[in-house]
Amino acid sequence: EMEQILPKDTVIDDFSSTNGIVEFSVKAPNKEAVADIIVAMGKLDYVQSFSIPSLSEEEGAIEGTETHAALMDMIENEEEIEDMPSYVEFDFSCVLAEPVEETSEEATTEEGGEQ
């Protein structure tokens, strides 16, 4: 489901999960993408709470993206870089809610009874 939540050019660098606590390091193209991730995670029924313990804006481009490829081409061709791109790197931690098991109750009717 994370692929549907993450904006284009967002990369998860590190991921761990222990006892219902999920932590990951993320690189996003900009702060708007971070906000979109926060809103999307907040809408998930199974996420009980979450936090972003660290966030920093870095100079450069996220490896594996079109922006990174273009930047590497410019550097390789010794072109002047007027506006160095930047991206946001942050850690994300969330607590998952206990899964709720679905139960079905069958309606029963008893006819008769004691009179």
PDB file of N, CA and C in Angstrom:
ATOM      1  N   GLU A   1       0.826  -1.204   0.000  1.00  0.00           N
ATOM      2  CA  GLU A   1       0.000   0.000   0.000  1.00  0.00           C
ATOM      3  C   GLU A   1       0.868   1.266   0.000  1.00  0.00           C
ATOM      4  N   MET A   2       2.110   1.151   0.445  1.00  0.00           N
ATOM      5  CA  MET A   2       2.993   2.316   0.492  1.00  0.00           C
ATOM      6  C   MET A   2       3.242   2.897  -0.897  1.00  0.00           C
ATOM      7  N   GLU A   3       3.290   2.045  -1.918  1.00  0.00           N
ATOM      8  CA  GLU A   3       3.528   2.551  -3.266  1.00  0.00           C
ATOM      9  C   GLU A   3       2.433   3.522  -3.702  1.00  0.00           C
ATOM     10  N   GLN A   4       1.215   3.294  -3.223  1.00  0.00           N
ATOM     11  CA  GLN A   4       0.098   4.163  -3.579  1.00  0.00           C
ATOM     12  C   GLN A   4       0.133   5.474  -2.801  1.00  0.00           C
ATOM     13  N   ILE A   5       0.729   5.456  -1.617  1.00  0.00           N
ATOM     14  CA  ILE A   5       0.768   6.638  -0.752  1.00  0.00           C
ATOM     15  C   ILE A   5       1.904   7.580  -1.132  1.00  0.00           C
ATOM     16  N   LEU A   6       3.053   7.015  -1.474  1.00  0.00           N
ATOM     17  CA  LEU A   6       4.243   7.827  -1.696  1.00  0.00           C
ATOM     18  C   LEU A   6       4.168   8.609  -3.003  1.00  0.00           C
ATOM     19  N   PRO A   7       4.456   9.907  -2.934  1.00  0.00           N
ATOM     20  CA  PRO A   7       4.488  10.719  -4.158  1.00  0.00           C
ATOM     21  C   PRO A   7       5.618  10.266  -5.086  1.00  0.00           C
ATOM     22  N   LYS A   8       5.521  10.659  -6.356  1.00  0.00           N
ATOM     23  CA  LYS A   8       6.548  10.343  -7.357  1.00  0.00           C
ATOM     24  C   LYS A   8       7.912  10.822  -6.867  1.00  0.00           C
ATOM     25  N   ASP A   9       8.936  10.064  -7.177  1.00  0.00           N
ATOM     26  CA  ASP A   9      10.327  10.374  -6.842  1.00  0.00           C
ATOM     27  C   ASP A   9      10.619  10.319  -5.343  1.00  0.00           C
ATOM     28  N   THR A  10       9.792   9.622  -4.580  1.00  0.00           N
ATOM     29  CA  THR A  10      10.035   9.423  -3.153  1.00  0.00           C
ATOM     30  C   THR A  10      10.664   8.048  -2.968  1.00  0.00           C
ATOM     31  N   VAL A  11      11.678   7.987  -2.108  1.00  0.00           N
ATOM     32  CA  VAL A  11      12.423   6.748  -1.921  1.00  0.00           C
ATOM     33  C   VAL A  11      12.471   6.403  -0.434  1.00  0.00           C
ATOM     34  N   ILE A  12      12.212   5.127  -0.115  1.00  0.00           N
ATOM     35  CA  ILE A  12      12.399   4.642   1.251  1.00  0.00           C
ATOM     36  C   ILE A  12      13.789   4.031   1.314  1.00  0.00           C
ATOM     37  N   ASP A  13      14.656   4.600   2.179  1.00  0.00           N
ATOM     38  CA  ASP A  13      16.032   4.125   2.299  1.00  0.00           C
ATOM     39  C   ASP A  13      16.174   2.972   3.281  1.00  0.00           C
ATOM     40  N   ASP A  14      15.478   3.050   4.390  1.00  0.00           N
ATOM     41  CA  ASP A  14      15.648   2.073   5.452  1.00  0.00           C
ATOM     42  C   ASP A  14      14.282   1.783   6.046  1.00  0.00           C
ATOM     43  N   PHE A  15      14.049   0.540   6.447  1.00  0.00           N
ATOM     44  CA  PHE A  15      12.754   0.134   6.971  1.00  0.00           C
ATOM     45  C   PHE A  15      12.960  -0.902   8.061  1.00  0.00           C
ATOM     46  N   SER A  16      12.239  -0.738   9.175  1.00  0.00           N
ATOM     47  CA  SER A  16      12.262  -1.755  10.225  1.00  0.00           C
ATOM     48  C   SER A  16      10.902  -1.813  10.901  1.00  0.00           C
ATOM     49  N   SER A  17      10.591  -2.985  11.426  1.00  0.00           N
ATOM     50  CA  SER A  17       9.314  -3.176  12.100  1.00  0.00           C
ATOM     51  C   SER A  17       9.519  -4.102  13.282  1.00  0.00           C
ATOM     52  N   THR A  18       9.110  -3.628  14.467  1.00  0.00           N
ATOM     53  CA  THR A  18       9.235  -4.417  15.683  1.00  0.00           C
ATOM     54  C   THR A  18       8.023  -4.184  16.565  1.00  0.00           C
ATOM     55  N   ASN A  19       7.339  -5.255  16.893  1.00  0.00           N
ATOM     56  CA  ASN A  19       6.206  -5.202  17.828  1.00  0.00           C
ATOM     57  C   ASN A  19       5.191  -4.103  17.492  1.00  0.00           C
ATOM     58  N   GLY A  20       4.830  -3.986  16.252  1.00  0.00           N
ATOM     59  CA  GLY A  20       3.809  -3.022  15.849  1.00  0.00           C
ATOM     60  C   GLY A  20       4.304  -1.608  15.653  1.00  0.00           C
ATOM     61  N   ILE A  21       5.608  -1.384  15.815  1.00  0.00           N
ATOM     62  CA  ILE A  21       6.194  -0.060  15.567  1.00  0.00           C
ATOM     63  C   ILE A  21       6.996  -0.157  14.274  1.00  0.00           C
ATOM     64  N   VAL A  22       6.629   0.683  13.305  1.00  0.00           N
ATOM     65  CA  VAL A  22       7.284   0.677  12.005  1.00  0.00           C
ATOM     66  C   VAL A  22       8.069   1.975  11.862  1.00  0.00           C
ATOM     67  N   GLU A  23       9.338   1.837  11.488  1.00  0.00           N
ATOM     68  CA  GLU A  23      10.195   3.012  11.302  1.00  0.00           C
ATOM     69  C   GLU A  23      10.843   2.934   9.925  1.00  0.00           C
ATOM     70  N   PHE A  24      10.897   4.075   9.256  1.00  0.00           N
ATOM     71  CA  PHE A  24      11.597   4.109   7.987  1.00  0.00           C
ATOM     72  C   PHE A  24      12.188   5.479   7.731  1.00  0.00           C
ATOM     73  N   SER A  25      13.250   5.484   6.924  1.00  0.00           N
ATOM     74  CA  SER A  25      13.898   6.712   6.484  1.00  0.00           C
ATOM     75  C   SER A  25      13.460   6.967   5.053  1.00  0.00           C
ATOM     76  N   VAL A  26      13.093   8.209   4.782  1.00  0.00           N
ATOM     77  CA  VAL A  26      12.503   8.548   3.493  1.00  0.00           C
ATOM     78  C   VAL A  26      13.209   9.757   2.885  1.00  0.00           C
ATOM     79  N   LYS A  27      13.327   9.746   1.571  1.00  0.00           N
ATOM     80  CA  LYS A  27      13.786  10.916   0.821  1.00  0.00           C
ATOM     81  C   LYS A  27      12.634  11.323  -0.091  1.00  0.00           C
ATOM     82  N   ALA A  28      12.210  12.560   0.030  1.00  0.00           N
ATOM     83  CA  ALA A  28      11.096  13.082  -0.766  1.00  0.00           C
ATOM     84  C   ALA A  28      11.583  14.295  -1.558  1.00  0.00           C
ATOM     85  N   PRO A  29      10.966  14.555  -2.715  1.00  0.00           N
ATOM     86  CA  PRO A  29      11.450  15.642  -3.576  1.00  0.00           C
ATOM     87  C   PRO A  29      11.275  17.042  -2.991  1.00  0.00           C
ATOM     88  N   ASN A  30      10.315  17.221  -2.070  1.00  0.00           N
ATOM     89  CA  ASN A  30      10.094  18.551  -1.494  1.00  0.00           C
ATOM     90  C   ASN A  30       9.211  18.442  -0.246  1.00  0.00           C
ATOM     91  N   LYS A  31       9.022  19.561   0.434  1.00  0.00           N
ATOM     92  CA  LYS A  31       8.223  19.562   1.665  1.00  0.00           C
ATOM     93  C   LYS A  31       6.748  19.282   1.399  1.00  0.00           C
ATOM     94  N   GLU A  32       6.267  19.652   0.224  1.00  0.00           N
ATOM     95  CA  GLU A  32       4.878  19.358  -0.130  1.00  0.00           C
ATOM     96  C   GLU A  32       4.652  17.855  -0.185  1.00  0.00           C
ATOM     97  N   ALA A  33       5.623  17.114  -0.691  1.00  0.00           N
ATOM     98  CA  ALA A  33       5.522  15.659  -0.747  1.00  0.00           C
ATOM     99  C   ALA A  33       5.484  15.075   0.661  1.00  0.00           C
ATOM    100  N   VAL A  34       6.258  15.646   1.572  1.00  0.00           N
ATOM    101  CA  VAL A  34       6.239  15.199   2.971  1.00  0.00           C
ATOM    102  C   VAL A  34       4.846  15.427   3.561  1.00  0.00           C
ATOM    103  N   ALA A  35       4.270  16.587   3.310  1.00  0.00           N
ATOM    104  CA  ALA A  35       2.921  16.885   3.806  1.00  0.00           C
ATOM    105  C   ALA A  35       1.905  15.898   3.230  1.00  0.00           C
ATOM    106  N   ASP A  36       2.033  15.569   1.950  1.00  0.00           N
ATOM    107  CA  ASP A  36       1.123  14.604   1.327  1.00  0.00           C
ATOM    108  C   ASP A  36       1.234  13.234   1.998  1.00  0.00           C
ATOM    109  N   ILE A  37       2.448  12.827   2.338  1.00  0.00           N
ATOM    110  CA  ILE A  37       2.662  11.546   3.013  1.00  0.00           C
ATOM    111  C   ILE A  37       2.010  11.563   4.390  1.00  0.00           C
ATOM    112  N   ILE A  38       2.176  12.658   5.118  1.00  0.00           N
ATOM    113  CA  ILE A  38       1.582  12.777   6.453  1.00  0.00           C
ATOM    114  C   ILE A  38       0.060  12.665   6.381  1.00  0.00           C
ATOM    115  N   VAL A  39      -0.541  13.369   5.450  1.00  0.00           N
ATOM    116  CA  VAL A  39      -2.005  13.323   5.298  1.00  0.00           C
ATOM    117  C   VAL A  39      -2.453  11.907   4.941  1.00  0.00           C
ATOM    118  N   ALA A  40      -1.768  11.272   3.994  1.00  0.00           N
ATOM    119  CA  ALA A  40      -2.147   9.924   3.565  1.00  0.00           C
ATOM    120  C   ALA A  40      -2.004   8.912   4.698  1.00  0.00           C
ATOM    121  N   MET A  41      -0.918   8.986   5.464  1.00  0.00           N
ATOM    122  CA  MET A  41      -0.714   8.058   6.579  1.00  0.00           C
ATOM    123  C   MET A  41      -1.774   8.264   7.655  1.00  0.00           C
ATOM    124  N   GLY A  42      -2.178   9.505   7.867  1.00  0.00           N
ATOM    125  CA  GLY A  42      -3.202   9.806   8.862  1.00  0.00           C
ATOM    126  C   GLY A  42      -4.564   9.236   8.509  1.00  0.00           C
ATOM    127  N   LYS A  43      -4.781   8.949   7.231  1.00  0.00           N
ATOM    128  CA  LYS A  43      -6.061   8.396   6.781  1.00  0.00           C
ATOM    129  C   LYS A  43      -6.131   6.874   6.869  1.00  0.00           C
ATOM    130  N   LEU A  44      -4.999   6.223   7.130  1.00  0.00           N
ATOM    131  CA  LEU A  44      -4.986   4.766   7.190  1.00  0.00           C
ATOM    132  C   LEU A  44      -5.583   4.279   8.507  1.00  0.00           C
ATOM    133  N   ASP A  45      -6.531   3.375   8.418  1.00  0.00           N
ATOM    134  CA  ASP A  45      -7.220   2.868   9.610  1.00  0.00           C
ATOM    135  C   ASP A  45      -6.274   2.146  10.575  1.00  0.00           C
ATOM    136  N   TYR A  46      -5.272   1.493  10.046  1.00  0.00           N
ATOM    137  CA  TYR A  46      -4.402   0.674  10.883  1.00  0.00           C
ATOM    138  C   TYR A  46      -3.221   1.438  11.489  1.00  0.00           C
ATOM    139  N   VAL A  47      -3.102   2.725  11.200  1.00  0.00           N
ATOM    140  CA  VAL A  47      -2.046   3.530  11.819  1.00  0.00           C
ATOM    141  C   VAL A  47      -2.646   4.244  13.022  1.00  0.00           C
ATOM    142  N   GLN A  48      -2.162   3.854  14.201  1.00  0.00           N
ATOM    143  CA  GLN A  48      -2.687   4.409  15.442  1.00  0.00           C
ATOM    144  C   GLN A  48      -2.114   5.799  15.709  1.00  0.00           C
ATOM    145  N   SER A  49      -0.810   5.956  15.515  1.00  0.00           N
ATOM    146  CA  SER A  49      -0.153   7.252  15.706  1.00  0.00           C
ATOM    147  C   SER A  49       1.144   7.252  14.902  1.00  0.00           C
ATOM    148  N   PHE A  50       1.678   8.455  14.655  1.00  0.00           N
ATOM    149  CA  PHE A  50       2.947   8.534  13.944  1.00  0.00           C
ATOM    150  C   PHE A  50       3.682   9.808  14.325  1.00  0.00           C
ATOM    151  N   SER A  51       4.983   9.807  14.059  1.00  0.00           N
ATOM    152  CA  SER A  51       5.805  10.988  14.331  1.00  0.00           C
ATOM    153  C   SER A  51       6.918  11.063  13.300  1.00  0.00           C
ATOM    154  N   ILE A  52       7.459  12.266  13.171  1.00  0.00           N
ATOM    155  CA  ILE A  52       8.623  12.503  12.313  1.00  0.00           C
ATOM    156  C   ILE A  52       9.714  13.068  13.235  1.00  0.00           C
ATOM    157  N   PRO A  53      10.564  12.163  13.774  1.00  0.00           N
ATOM    158  CA  PRO A  53      11.573  12.620  14.730  1.00  0.00           C
ATOM    159  C   PRO A  53      12.679  13.493  14.143  1.00  0.00           C
ATOM    160  N   SER A  54      12.901  13.396  12.821  1.00  0.00           N
ATOM    161  CA  SER A  54      13.921  14.259  12.219  1.00  0.00           C
ATOM    162  C   SER A  54      13.546  14.563  10.771  1.00  0.00           C
ATOM    163  N   LEU A  55      13.922  15.771  10.341  1.00  0.00           N
ATOM    164  CA  LEU A  55      13.652  16.211   8.974  1.00  0.00           C
ATOM    165  C   LEU A  55      14.724  17.220   8.598  1.00  0.00           C
ATOM    166  N   SER A  56      15.302  17.051   7.413  1.00  0.00           N
ATOM    167  CA  SER A  56      16.303  18.015   6.952  1.00  0.00           C
ATOM    168  C   SER A  56      16.197  18.183   5.445  1.00  0.00           C
ATOM    169  N   GLU A  57      16.542  19.377   4.991  1.00  0.00           N
ATOM    170  CA  GLU A  57      16.567  19.649   3.559  1.00  0.00           C
ATOM    171  C   GLU A  57      18.013  19.511   3.098  1.00  0.00           C
ATOM    172  N   GLU A  58      18.206  18.704   2.059  1.00  0.00           N
ATOM    173  CA  GLU A  58      19.546  18.400   1.566  1.00  0.00           C
ATOM    174  C   GLU A  58      19.730  18.951   0.157  1.00  0.00           C
ATOM    175  N   GLU A  59      20.953  19.330  -0.161  1.00  0.00           N
ATOM    176  CA  GLU A  59      21.271  19.822  -1.497  1.00  0.00           C
ATOM    177  C   GLU A  59      21.598  18.635  -2.395  1.00  0.00           C
ATOM    178  N   GLY A  60      21.093  18.656  -3.611  1.00  0.00           N
ATOM    179  CA  GLY A  60      21.348  17.571  -4.549  1.00  0.00           C
ATOM    180  C   GLY A  60      20.038  16.986  -5.029  1.00  0.00           C
ATOM    181  N   ALA A  61      20.084  15.725  -5.461  1.00  0.00           N
ATOM    182  CA  ALA A  61      18.895  15.052  -5.971  1.00  0.00           C
ATOM    183  C   ALA A  61      18.874  13.620  -5.469  1.00  0.00           C
ATOM    184  N   ILE A  62      17.693  13.068  -5.390  1.00  0.00           N
ATOM    185  CA  ILE A  62      17.513  11.703  -4.914  1.00  0.00           C
ATOM    186  C   ILE A  62      17.990  10.734  -5.986  1.00  0.00           C
ATOM    187  N   GLU A  63      18.919   9.865  -5.598  1.00  0.00           N
ATOM    188  CA  GLU A  63      19.475   8.891  -6.538  1.00  0.00           C
ATOM    189  C   GLU A  63      18.363   8.017  -7.109  1.00  0.00           C
ATOM    190  N   GLY A  64      18.430   7.772  -8.417  1.00  0.00           N
ATOM    191  CA  GLY A  64      17.435   6.942  -9.081  1.00  0.00           C
ATOM    192  C   GLY A  64      16.282   7.721  -9.690  1.00  0.00           C
ATOM    193  N   THR A  65      16.276   9.050  -9.510  1.00  0.00           N
ATOM    194  CA  THR A  65      15.204   9.876 -10.074  1.00  0.00           C
ATOM    195  C   THR A  65      15.690  10.566 -11.348  1.00  0.00           C
ATOM    196  N   GLU A  66      14.734  11.086 -12.119  1.00  0.00           N
ATOM    197  CA  GLU A  66      15.084  11.823 -13.328  1.00  0.00           C
ATOM    198  C   GLU A  66      15.912  13.061 -12.993  1.00  0.00           C
ATOM    199  N   THR A  67      15.588  13.706 -11.881  1.00  0.00           N
ATOM    200  CA  THR A  67      16.331  14.903 -11.474  1.00  0.00           C
ATOM    201  C   THR A  67      17.786  14.554 -11.199  1.00  0.00           C
ATOM    202  N   HIS A  68      18.018  13.408 -10.556  1.00  0.00           N
ATOM    203  CA  HIS A  68      19.387  12.967 -10.259  1.00  0.00           C
ATOM    204  C   HIS A  68      20.141  12.682 -11.555  1.00  0.00           C
ATOM    205  N   ALA A  69      19.492  12.006 -12.501  1.00  0.00           N
ATOM    206  CA  ALA A  69      20.136  11.698 -13.780  1.00  0.00           C
ATOM    207  C   ALA A  69      20.512  12.975 -14.525  1.00  0.00           C
ATOM    208  N   ALA A  70      19.609  13.954 -14.527  1.00  0.00           N
ATOM    209  CA  ALA A  70      19.892  15.227 -15.198  1.00  0.00           C
ATOM    210  C   ALA A  70      21.042  15.960 -14.509  1.00  0.00           C
ATOM    211  N   LEU A  71      21.056  15.942 -13.190  1.00  0.00           N
ATOM    212  CA  LEU A  71      22.131  16.594 -12.433  1.00  0.00           C
ATOM    213  C   LEU A  71      23.474  15.928 -12.723  1.00  0.00           C
ATOM    214  N   MET A  72      23.500  14.596 -12.764  1.00  0.00           N
ATOM    215  CA  MET A  72      24.742  13.877 -13.049  1.00  0.00           C
ATOM    216  C   MET A  72      25.234  14.187 -14.463  1.00  0.00           C
ATOM    217  N   ASP A  73      24.303  14.310 -15.409  1.00  0.00           N
ATOM    218  CA  ASP A  73      24.687  14.683 -16.782  1.00  0.00           C
ATOM    219  C   ASP A  73      25.323  16.073 -16.805  1.00  0.00           C
ATOM    220  N   MET A  74      24.736  17.003 -16.078  1.00  0.00           N
ATOM    221  CA  MET A  74      25.273  18.367 -16.032  1.00  0.00           C
ATOM    222  C   MET A  74      26.666  18.382 -15.418  1.00  0.00           C
ATOM    223  N   ILE A  75      26.849  17.612 -14.358  1.00  0.00           N
ATOM    224  CA  ILE A  75      28.161  17.556 -13.698  1.00  0.00           C
ATOM    225  C   ILE A  75      29.182  16.903 -14.635  1.00  0.00           C
ATOM    226  N   GLU A  76      28.797  15.806 -15.273  1.00  0.00           N
ATOM    227  CA  GLU A  76      29.691  15.093 -16.179  1.00  0.00           C
ATOM    228  C   GLU A  76      30.105  15.972 -17.364  1.00  0.00           C
ATOM    229  N   ASN A  77      29.163  16.772 -17.857  1.00  0.00           N
ATOM    230  CA  ASN A  77      29.446  17.651 -18.995  1.00  0.00           C
ATOM    231  C   ASN A  77      30.011  18.998 -18.572  1.00  0.00           C
ATOM    232  N   GLU A  78      30.280  19.125 -17.271  1.00  0.00           N
ATOM    233  CA  GLU A  78      30.844  20.335 -16.686  1.00  0.00           C
ATOM    234  C   GLU A  78      30.027  21.578 -17.015  1.00  0.00           C
ATOM    235  N   GLU A  79      28.689  21.381 -17.011  1.00  0.00           N
ATOM    236  CA  GLU A  79      27.786  22.500 -17.241  1.00  0.00           C
ATOM    237  C   GLU A  79      27.599  23.280 -15.945  1.00  0.00           C
ATOM    238  N   GLU A  80      27.310  24.555 -16.109  1.00  0.00           N
ATOM    239  CA  GLU A  80      27.053  25.394 -14.941  1.00  0.00           C
ATOM    240  C   GLU A  80      25.672  25.039 -14.364  1.00  0.00           C
ATOM    241  N   ILE A  81      25.637  24.849 -13.067  1.00  0.00           N
ATOM    242  CA  ILE A  81      24.376  24.532 -12.386  1.00  0.00           C
ATOM    243  C   ILE A  81      23.912  25.802 -11.690  1.00  0.00           C
ATOM    244  N   GLU A  82      22.901  26.443 -12.282  1.00  0.00           N
ATOM    245  CA  GLU A  82      22.417  27.711 -11.727  1.00  0.00           C
ATOM    246  C   GLU A  82      21.613  27.503 -10.456  1.00  0.00           C
ATOM    247  N   ASP A  83      20.703  26.560 -10.478  1.00  0.00           N
ATOM    248  CA  ASP A  83      19.864  26.277  -9.310  1.00  0.00           C
ATOM    249  C   ASP A  83      20.064  24.827  -8.903  1.00  0.00           C
ATOM    250  N   MET A  84      20.857  24.634  -7.846  1.00  0.00           N
ATOM    251  CA  MET A  84      21.089  23.287  -7.347  1.00  0.00           C
ATOM    252  C   MET A  84      19.789  22.748  -6.768  1.00  0.00           C
ATOM    253  N   PRO A  85      19.357  21.573  -7.219  1.00  0.00           N
ATOM    254  CA  PRO A  85      18.121  21.012  -6.663  1.00  0.00           C
ATOM    255  C   PRO A  85      18.313  20.605  -5.199  1.00  0.00           C
ATOM    256  N   SER A  86      17.205  20.418  -4.510  1.00  0.00           N
ATOM    257  CA  SER A  86      17.256  19.952  -3.133  1.00  0.00           C
ATOM    258  C   SER A  86      16.143  18.938  -2.909  1.00  0.00           C
ATOM    259  N   TYR A  87      16.249  18.214  -1.836  1.00  0.00           N
ATOM    260  CA  TYR A  87      15.240  17.233  -1.465  1.00  0.00           C
ATOM    261  C   TYR A  87      15.140  17.205   0.057  1.00  0.00           C
ATOM    262  N   VAL A  88      14.140  16.513   0.555  1.00  0.00           N
ATOM    263  CA  VAL A  88      13.911  16.433   1.996  1.00  0.00           C
ATOM    264  C   VAL A  88      14.166  15.000   2.448  1.00  0.00           C
ATOM    265  N   GLU A  89      14.962  14.867   3.495  1.00  0.00           N
ATOM    266  CA  GLU A  89      15.241  13.561   4.079  1.00  0.00           C
ATOM    267  C   GLU A  89      14.636  13.552   5.483  1.00  0.00           C
ATOM    268  N   PHE A  90      13.854  12.516   5.789  1.00  0.00           N
ATOM    269  CA  PHE A  90      13.228  12.469   7.114  1.00  0.00           C
ATOM    270  C   PHE A  90      13.028  11.045   7.593  1.00  0.00           C
ATOM    271  N   ASP A  91      12.933  10.922   8.905  1.00  0.00           N
ATOM    272  CA  ASP A  91      12.623   9.644   9.534  1.00  0.00           C
ATOM    273  C   ASP A  91      11.153   9.668   9.913  1.00  0.00           C
ATOM    274  N   PHE A  92      10.509   8.526   9.763  1.00  0.00           N
ATOM    275  CA  PHE A  92       9.077   8.415  10.033  1.00  0.00           C
ATOM    276  C   PHE A  92       8.872   7.201  10.918  1.00  0.00           C
ATOM    277  N   SER A  93       8.100   7.364  11.970  1.00  0.00           N
ATOM    278  CA  SER A  93       7.821   6.271  12.890  1.00  0.00           C
ATOM    279  C   SER A  93       6.314   6.206  13.108  1.00  0.00           C
ATOM    280  N   CYS A  94       5.737   5.003  13.036  1.00  0.00           N
ATOM    281  CA  CYS A  94       4.303   4.883  13.289  1.00  0.00           C
ATOM    282  C   CYS A  94       4.004   3.643  14.122  1.00  0.00           C
ATOM    283  N   VAL A  95       2.932   3.745  14.881  1.00  0.00           N
ATOM    284  CA  VAL A  95       2.455   2.642  15.697  1.00  0.00           C
ATOM    285  C   VAL A  95       1.214   2.090  15.009  1.00  0.00           C
ATOM    286  N   LEU A  96       1.257   0.801  14.734  1.00  0.00           N
ATOM    287  CA  LEU A  96       0.130   0.176  14.060  1.00  0.00           C
ATOM    288  C   LEU A  96      -0.894  -0.297  15.090  1.00  0.00           C
ATOM    289  N   ALA A  97      -2.157  -0.137  14.757  1.00  0.00           N
ATOM    290  CA  ALA A  97      -3.233  -0.592  15.628  1.00  0.00           C
ATOM    291  C   ALA A  97      -3.316  -2.110  15.555  1.00  0.00           C
ATOM    292  N   GLU A  98      -3.798  -2.704  16.617  1.00  0.00           N
ATOM    293  CA  GLU A  98      -4.010  -4.145  16.623  1.00  0.00           C
ATOM    294  C   GLU A  98      -5.036  -4.483  15.546  1.00  0.00           C
ATOM    295  N   PRO A  99      -4.792  -5.539  14.784  1.00  0.00           N
ATOM    296  CA  PRO A  99      -5.779  -5.898  13.769  1.00  0.00           C
ATOM    297  C   PRO A  99      -7.099  -6.311  14.421  1.00  0.00           C
ATOM    298  N   VAL A 100      -8.175  -5.851  13.834  1.00  0.00           N
ATOM    299  CA  VAL A 100      -9.491  -6.182  14.351  1.00  0.00           C
ATOM    300  C   VAL A 100     -10.017  -7.362  13.548  1.00  0.00           C
ATOM    301  N   GLU A 101     -10.333  -8.425  14.259  1.00  0.00           N
ATOM    302  CA  GLU A 101     -10.863  -9.598  13.574  1.00  0.00           C
ATOM    303  C   GLU A 101     -12.344  -9.401  13.333  1.00  0.00           C
ATOM    304  N   GLU A 102     -12.744  -9.713  12.129  1.00  0.00           N
ATOM    305  CA  GLU A 102     -14.153  -9.575  11.798  1.00  0.00           C
ATOM    306  C   GLU A 102     -14.903 -10.786  12.332  1.00  0.00           C
ATOM    307  N   THR A 103     -16.011 -10.528  12.963  1.00  0.00           N
ATOM    308  CA  THR A 103     -16.855 -11.612  13.441  1.00  0.00           C
ATOM    309  C   THR A 103     -18.227 -11.441  12.814  1.00  0.00           C
ATOM    310  N   SER A 104     -18.865 -12.542  12.618  1.00  0.00           N
ATOM    311  CA  SER A 104     -20.220 -12.445  12.084  1.00  0.00           C
ATOM    312  C   SER A 104     -21.160 -13.118  13.076  1.00  0.00           C
ATOM    313  N   GLU A 105     -22.202 -12.432  13.372  1.00  0.00           N
ATOM    314  CA  GLU A 105     -23.194 -12.965  14.283  1.00  0.00           C
ATOM    315  C   GLU A 105     -24.388 -13.404  13.455  1.00  0.00           C
ATOM    316  N   GLU A 106     -24.793 -14.636  13.705  1.00  0.00           N
ATOM    317  CA  GLU A 106     -25.960 -15.130  12.995  1.00  0.00           C
ATOM    318  C   GLU A 106     -27.187 -14.878  13.855  1.00  0.00           C
ATOM    319  N   ALA A 107     -28.169 -14.328  13.255  1.00  0.00           N
ATOM    320  CA  ALA A 107     -29.410 -14.085  13.980  1.00  0.00           C
ATOM    321  C   ALA A 107     -30.159 -15.405  14.097  1.00  0.00           C
ATOM    322  N   THR A 108     -30.526 -15.734  15.295  1.00  0.00           N
ATOM    323  CA  THR A 108     -31.284 -16.968  15.495  1.00  0.00           C
ATOM    324  C   THR A 108     -32.622 -16.623  16.114  1.00  0.00           C
ATOM    325  N   THR A 109     -33.609 -17.318  15.686  1.00  0.00           N
ATOM    326  CA  THR A 109     -34.934 -17.143  16.281  1.00  0.00           C
ATOM    327  C   THR A 109     -35.398 -18.491  16.761  1.00  0.00           C
ATOM    328  N   GLU A 110     -35.955 -18.478  17.915  1.00  0.00           N
ATOM    329  CA  GLU A 110     -36.477 -19.724  18.467  1.00  0.00           C
ATOM    330  C   GLU A 110     -37.982 -19.637  18.486  1.00  0.00           C
ATOM    331  N   GLU A 111     -38.587 -20.626  17.921  1.00  0.00           N
ATOM    332  CA  GLU A 111     -40.035 -20.670  17.938  1.00  0.00           C
ATOM    333  C   GLU A 111     -40.483 -21.533  19.111  1.00  0.00           C
ATOM    334  N   GLY A 112     -41.592 -21.243  19.603  1.00  0.00           N
ATOM    335  CA  GLY A 112     -42.107 -22.047  20.708  1.00  0.00           C
ATOM    336  C   GLY A 112     -41.604 -21.519  22.013  1.00  0.00           C
ATOM    337  N   GLY A 113     -41.232 -22.388  22.881  1.00  0.00           N
ATOM    338  CA  GLY A 113     -40.761 -21.993  24.189  1.00  0.00           C
ATOM    339  C   GLY A 113     -41.715 -22.489  25.255  1.00  0.00           C
ATOM    340  N   GLU A 114     -41.430 -22.171  26.454  1.00  0.00           N
ATOM    341  CA  GLU A 114     -42.252 -22.640  27.542  1.00  0.00           C
ATOM    342  C   GLU A 114     -43.499 -21.796  27.657  1.00  0.00           C
ATOM    343  N   GLN A 115     -44.597 -22.469  27.912  1.00  0.00           N
ATOM    344  CA  GLN A 115     -45.857 -21.746  28.103  1.00  0.00           C
ATOM    345  C   GLN A 115     -46.420 -22.053  29.443  1.00  0.00           C
TER     346      GLN A 115
END
